[in-house]
Amino acid sequence: MDVDVLTRRLVEPNGPYSGITVVDSTESTNADLEGVNAPDRTVLIAREQTAGAGRRGREWTSPPGGLYMSVYYEPGVPAVRVPWLTLLAGVALANVADEAGVQSALKWPNDLLLGPKQRKGAGVLAVTKEKGVVLGIGLNVGAVDARLGPGGIEATSLIAEGAHQLDLTELATSLLLELDKWERPWREAEGDPFASGLHEEYRKHCLTLGQDVRVELSGDKELVGTARYLETDGTLVVRDAEGHDHSVPAGDVVHLRAS
């Protein structure tokens, strides 16, 4: 990871970011940015995380060879639209995987599915601060343990799926440019996913919409039905067998395939 190259390409006045720092190892890039008074669009990248976190308090394994970054944003959009930032990250990851020559798709809200077996290749976690949001992304690039995760999905990586681009500096550049490509118009549209084009781009990548799904909710509850559409705040709407629609703000989605 060449921080000088990243800075030259991506930091003002040559790029959209206010600063980029690369460290060899840290417990969590999200926690590090949460704990400092960083300016808007500050980037922290670690070659390794020793205590990475995923959604719902889960551990995210972050061995050397992956791309682990957090970006601090102060988008100034209505609070109800802030959750779209994590869906935006999923879009950016899918486009980067496609550019690297790997088949990709998204499972709501932001699980990156790679290759013909649709195994999980990345994680996204956002943490809200007083004035902004820390957006954390972990992309599996090198070899990983293919153990089952939430929803029964195996882990995978770009190298396991035959990517032609594995250089971390190039991947970091591509991902940060993709994030800016979608975050900037979303911010300018005051977080409106329709006016910014983000909603349509997300739909292009998302396999969940139209699928029969099981949503694993908190408290060992679950909801089975058909994923119909996204509400304006990114919430998933699922219609059950009785024809009732349910708004799902958070949960682990399992795609149910016909036998």
Protein backbone atom coordinates (compact mmCIF):
# COMPACT_ATOMS: atom_id res chain seq x y z
CA MET A 1 0.00 0.00 0.00
CA ASP A 2 1.66 3.21 -1.21
CA VAL A 3 0.30 6.15 0.79
CA ASP A 4 2.27 8.64 -1.32
CA VAL A 5 0.55 7.44 -4.49
CA LEU A 6 -2.86 7.54 -2.81
CA THR A 7 -2.25 11.04 -1.50
CA ARG A 8 -1.07 12.32 -4.88
CA ARG A 9 -4.11 10.87 -6.64
CA LEU A 10 -6.87 11.45 -4.14
CA VAL A 11 -6.14 14.24 -1.66
CA GLU A 12 -7.04 17.88 -2.30
CA PRO A 13 -6.29 19.68 -4.59
CA ASN A 14 -5.87 16.63 -6.83
CA GLY A 15 -8.76 14.62 -5.41
CA PRO A 16 -11.85 14.71 -3.23
CA TYR A 17 -10.38 13.67 0.14
CA SER A 18 -8.98 15.88 2.88
CA GLY A 19 -6.36 13.37 4.00
CA ILE A 20 -5.31 9.72 3.82
CA THR A 21 -3.37 7.83 6.47
CA VAL A 22 -2.12 4.24 6.16
CA VAL A 23 -1.07 2.24 9.23
CA ASP A 24 0.44 -1.23 9.46
CA SER A 25 -1.93 -2.49 12.14
CA THR A 26 -4.70 -1.25 14.40
CA GLU A 27 -7.56 -2.72 16.37
CA SER A 28 -10.22 -0.99 14.27
CA THR A 29 -10.07 1.83 11.74
CA ASN A 30 -13.65 2.76 12.64
CA ALA A 31 -12.79 3.08 16.32
CA ASP A 32 -9.71 5.15 15.50
CA LEU A 33 -11.71 7.67 13.45
CA GLU A 34 -14.50 7.72 16.01
CA GLY A 35 -12.01 8.84 18.62
CA VAL A 36 -10.56 11.86 16.83
CA ASN A 37 -11.87 15.18 15.55
CA ALA A 38 -11.28 14.49 11.86
CA PRO A 39 -12.25 16.77 8.98
CA ASP A 40 -14.88 15.74 6.43
CA ARG A 41 -13.70 13.04 3.97
CA THR A 42 -10.78 11.82 6.08
CA VAL A 43 -9.54 8.32 5.18
CA LEU A 44 -7.78 5.79 7.41
CA ILE A 45 -6.49 2.52 5.93
CA ALA A 46 -4.92 -0.38 7.84
CA ARG A 47 -2.93 -3.26 6.45
CA GLU A 48 -4.33 -5.36 9.29
CA GLN A 49 -7.06 -5.03 11.94
CA THR A 50 -6.87 -7.00 15.18
CA ALA A 51 -10.38 -6.23 16.46
CA GLY A 52 -12.48 -5.45 13.41
CA ALA A 53 -16.24 -5.35 13.89
CA GLY A 54 -19.17 -6.24 11.68
CA ARG A 55 -22.89 -5.63 11.90
CA ARG A 56 -24.75 -6.46 15.12
CA GLY A 57 -21.54 -6.62 17.14
CA ARG A 58 -19.94 -9.48 15.20
CA GLU A 59 -16.21 -9.89 14.71
CA TRP A 60 -14.81 -9.13 11.24
CA THR A 61 -11.58 -11.04 10.63
CA SER A 62 -9.01 -8.72 9.07
CA PRO A 63 -5.74 -10.53 8.30
CA PRO A 64 -2.91 -8.95 6.27
CA GLY A 65 -3.63 -8.96 2.55
CA GLY A 66 -7.08 -7.36 2.65
CA LEU A 67 -8.26 -3.79 2.20
CA TYR A 68 -9.55 -2.27 5.44
CA MET A 69 -10.55 1.38 5.46
CA SER A 70 -12.76 3.90 7.17
CA VAL A 71 -13.91 7.24 5.80
CA TYR A 72 -15.35 10.04 7.92
CA TYR A 73 -18.17 11.97 6.26
CA GLU A 74 -20.13 15.04 7.27
CA PRO A 75 -22.73 14.85 4.49
CA GLY A 76 -25.23 17.23 6.07
CA VAL A 77 -28.23 15.21 4.87
CA PRO A 78 -31.44 14.56 6.84
CA ALA A 79 -30.89 11.87 9.49
CA VAL A 80 -33.55 9.61 7.98
CA ARG A 81 -31.47 9.35 4.78
CA VAL A 82 -28.10 8.65 6.41
CA PRO A 83 -28.58 4.82 6.25
CA TRP A 84 -28.22 5.07 2.48
CA LEU A 85 -24.51 5.67 3.03
CA THR A 86 -24.00 1.97 3.80
CA LEU A 87 -25.98 0.93 0.72
CA LEU A 88 -23.84 3.37 -1.25
CA ALA A 89 -20.76 1.54 0.03
CA GLY A 90 -22.20 -1.71 -1.29
CA VAL A 91 -22.64 -0.16 -4.73
CA ALA A 92 -19.04 1.06 -4.71
CA LEU A 93 -17.74 -2.39 -3.70
CA ALA A 94 -19.75 -4.13 -6.41
CA ASN A 95 -18.41 -1.80 -9.08
CA VAL A 96 -14.83 -2.28 -7.88
CA ALA A 97 -15.23 -6.06 -7.97
CA ASP A 98 -16.65 -5.85 -11.49
CA GLU A 99 -13.68 -3.72 -12.56
CA ALA A 100 -11.36 -6.37 -11.11
CA GLY A 101 -13.01 -9.01 -13.29
CA VAL A 102 -15.11 -10.72 -10.61
CA GLN A 103 -18.83 -11.39 -10.89
CA SER A 104 -20.59 -9.51 -8.11
CA ALA A 105 -24.00 -8.76 -6.63
CA LEU A 106 -25.44 -7.31 -3.43
CA LYS A 107 -27.60 -8.88 -0.75
CA TRP A 108 -29.53 -6.28 1.22
CA PRO A 109 -28.35 -4.14 2.80
CA ASN A 110 -24.69 -4.22 1.72
CA ASP A 111 -23.32 -7.77 1.62
CA LEU A 112 -21.00 -8.13 -1.38
CA LEU A 113 -21.53 -11.51 -3.07
CA LEU A 114 -18.69 -12.67 -5.31
CA GLY A 115 -18.36 -15.36 -7.96
CA PRO A 116 -20.84 -17.94 -9.26
CA LYS A 117 -21.37 -19.36 -5.77
CA GLN A 118 -22.28 -15.90 -4.42
CA ARG A 119 -20.00 -16.04 -1.40
CA LYS A 120 -19.40 -13.03 0.84
CA GLY A 121 -16.39 -10.89 0.01
CA ALA A 122 -16.76 -7.71 2.04
CA GLY A 123 -18.28 -6.12 5.10
CA VAL A 124 -19.62 -2.61 5.76
CA LEU A 125 -20.27 -0.92 9.09
CA ALA A 126 -21.27 2.70 9.73
CA VAL A 127 -21.06 4.45 13.10
CA THR A 128 -22.77 7.77 13.70
CA LYS A 129 -20.90 10.60 15.41
CA GLU A 130 -22.25 13.95 16.59
CA LYS A 131 -21.62 15.72 13.28
CA GLY A 132 -21.09 12.90 10.82
CA VAL A 133 -20.63 9.21 10.07
CA VAL A 134 -17.64 6.88 10.09
CA LEU A 135 -18.05 4.41 7.23
CA GLY A 136 -15.96 1.26 7.60
CA ILE A 137 -15.29 -1.18 4.77
CA GLY A 138 -13.41 -4.47 4.79
CA LEU A 139 -12.74 -6.09 1.40
CA ASN A 140 -11.26 -9.59 1.24
CA VAL A 141 -8.47 -9.50 -1.30
CA GLY A 142 -6.05 -12.32 -0.37
CA ALA A 143 -6.90 -15.84 0.73
CA VAL A 144 -9.43 -16.16 3.58
CA ASP A 145 -11.01 -18.91 5.64
CA ALA A 146 -14.18 -19.96 3.78
CA ARG A 147 -16.13 -20.65 6.97
CA LEU A 148 -19.86 -20.00 7.14
CA GLY A 149 -21.02 -16.64 8.37
CA PRO A 150 -24.43 -15.10 9.14
CA GLY A 151 -27.14 -16.39 6.81
CA GLY A 152 -25.08 -19.47 6.00
CA ILE A 153 -22.86 -17.65 3.47
CA GLU A 154 -19.27 -18.76 3.01
CA ALA A 155 -16.50 -16.18 2.87
CA THR A 156 -14.44 -15.61 -0.26
CA SER A 157 -12.01 -13.07 -1.69
CA LEU A 158 -10.98 -11.43 -4.92
CA ILE A 159 -8.03 -13.78 -5.37
CA ALA A 160 -10.23 -16.84 -4.78
CA GLU A 161 -12.62 -15.63 -7.48
CA GLY A 162 -9.88 -15.02 -10.06
CA ALA A 163 -9.59 -11.23 -9.98
CA HIS A 164 -7.08 -9.71 -12.37
CA GLN A 165 -6.48 -6.72 -10.07
CA LEU A 166 -5.06 -7.52 -6.62
CA ASP A 167 -2.77 -4.55 -5.98
CA LEU A 168 -3.98 -2.89 -2.78
CA THR A 169 -2.98 0.61 -3.83
CA GLU A 170 -4.94 0.30 -7.06
CA LEU A 171 -7.92 -1.26 -5.32
CA ALA A 172 -7.94 1.46 -2.66
CA THR A 173 -7.82 4.11 -5.39
CA SER A 174 -10.71 2.51 -7.27
CA LEU A 175 -12.83 2.10 -4.15
CA LEU A 176 -12.31 5.66 -2.93
CA LEU A 177 -13.11 7.05 -6.38
CA GLU A 178 -16.27 4.92 -6.55
CA LEU A 179 -17.34 6.12 -3.12
CA ASP A 180 -16.91 9.72 -4.23
CA LYS A 181 -18.73 9.07 -7.49
CA TRP A 182 -21.90 8.19 -5.55
CA GLU A 183 -21.50 10.06 -2.26
CA ARG A 184 -21.02 13.45 -3.86
CA PRO A 185 -24.28 13.56 -5.89
CA TRP A 186 -26.14 11.90 -3.01
CA ARG A 187 -24.92 14.65 -0.70
CA GLU A 188 -25.74 17.37 -3.21
CA ALA A 189 -29.27 15.93 -3.49
CA GLU A 190 -29.60 16.19 0.31
CA GLY A 191 -29.47 12.43 0.62
CA ASP A 192 -32.29 11.76 -1.85
CA PRO A 193 -31.49 8.32 -3.34
CA PHE A 194 -33.80 8.86 -6.32
CA ALA A 195 -32.62 12.32 -7.39
CA SER A 196 -28.97 11.28 -7.03
CA GLY A 197 -29.36 8.08 -9.08
CA LEU A 198 -28.22 5.95 -6.17
CA HIS A 199 -31.49 4.05 -5.80
CA GLU A 200 -31.46 2.91 -9.43
CA GLU A 201 -27.78 1.95 -9.26
CA TYR A 202 -28.39 -0.05 -6.09
CA ARG A 203 -31.32 -1.88 -7.69
CA LYS A 204 -29.09 -2.88 -10.62
CA HIS A 205 -26.78 -4.75 -8.26
CA CYS A 206 -29.21 -6.05 -5.60
CA LEU A 207 -30.31 -9.69 -5.84
CA THR A 208 -32.62 -9.47 -2.84
CA LEU A 209 -35.42 -7.46 -4.45
CA GLY A 210 -38.04 -9.82 -5.88
CA GLN A 211 -36.59 -12.81 -4.04
CA ASP A 212 -38.29 -15.07 -1.53
CA VAL A 213 -36.35 -14.43 1.66
CA ARG A 214 -36.07 -15.27 5.32
CA VAL A 215 -35.06 -12.32 7.47
CA GLU A 216 -33.41 -13.24 10.76
CA LEU A 217 -34.40 -10.52 13.22
CA SER A 218 -33.25 -9.72 16.73
CA GLY A 219 -34.68 -11.77 19.58
CA ASP A 220 -34.51 -15.02 17.57
CA LYS A 221 -37.45 -13.89 15.44
CA GLU A 222 -37.72 -14.31 11.69
CA LEU A 223 -39.83 -13.09 8.82
CA VAL A 224 -40.47 -15.12 5.65
CA GLY A 225 -41.84 -13.55 2.52
CA THR A 226 -40.98 -11.77 -0.72
CA ALA A 227 -38.64 -8.78 -0.75
CA ARG A 228 -40.58 -6.13 -2.64
CA TYR A 229 -38.87 -2.74 -2.60
CA LEU A 230 -36.84 -0.24 -0.60
CA GLU A 231 -38.39 2.64 1.26
CA THR A 232 -36.86 6.11 0.94
CA ASP A 233 -34.66 5.51 4.00
CA GLY A 234 -33.28 2.21 2.63
CA THR A 235 -35.58 0.01 4.71
CA LEU A 236 -36.50 -3.30 3.05
CA VAL A 237 -40.21 -4.09 2.62
CA VAL A 238 -41.11 -7.80 2.79
CA ARG A 239 -44.59 -9.17 1.99
CA ASP A 240 -45.55 -12.27 3.98
CA ALA A 241 -47.74 -15.21 2.84
CA GLU A 242 -50.87 -13.43 4.10
CA GLY A 243 -50.16 -10.41 1.91
CA HIS A 244 -49.04 -8.09 4.70
CA ASP A 245 -46.08 -5.79 4.12
CA HIS A 246 -43.42 -5.48 6.81
CA SER A 247 -40.73 -2.81 6.97
CA VAL A 248 -37.35 -4.28 7.94
CA PRO A 249 -34.80 -1.66 9.03
CA ALA A 250 -32.18 -4.27 10.01
CA GLY A 251 -31.68 -8.02 9.90
CA ASP A 252 -29.80 -10.86 8.24
CA VAL A 253 -31.38 -11.84 4.93
CA VAL A 254 -31.29 -15.38 3.57
CA HIS A 255 -32.24 -15.86 -0.07
CA LEU A 256 -34.59 -18.85 -0.39
CA ARG A 257 -34.04 -20.79 -3.57
CA ALA A 258 -36.65 -23.11 -5.03
CA SER A 259 -35.74 -26.79 -4.58
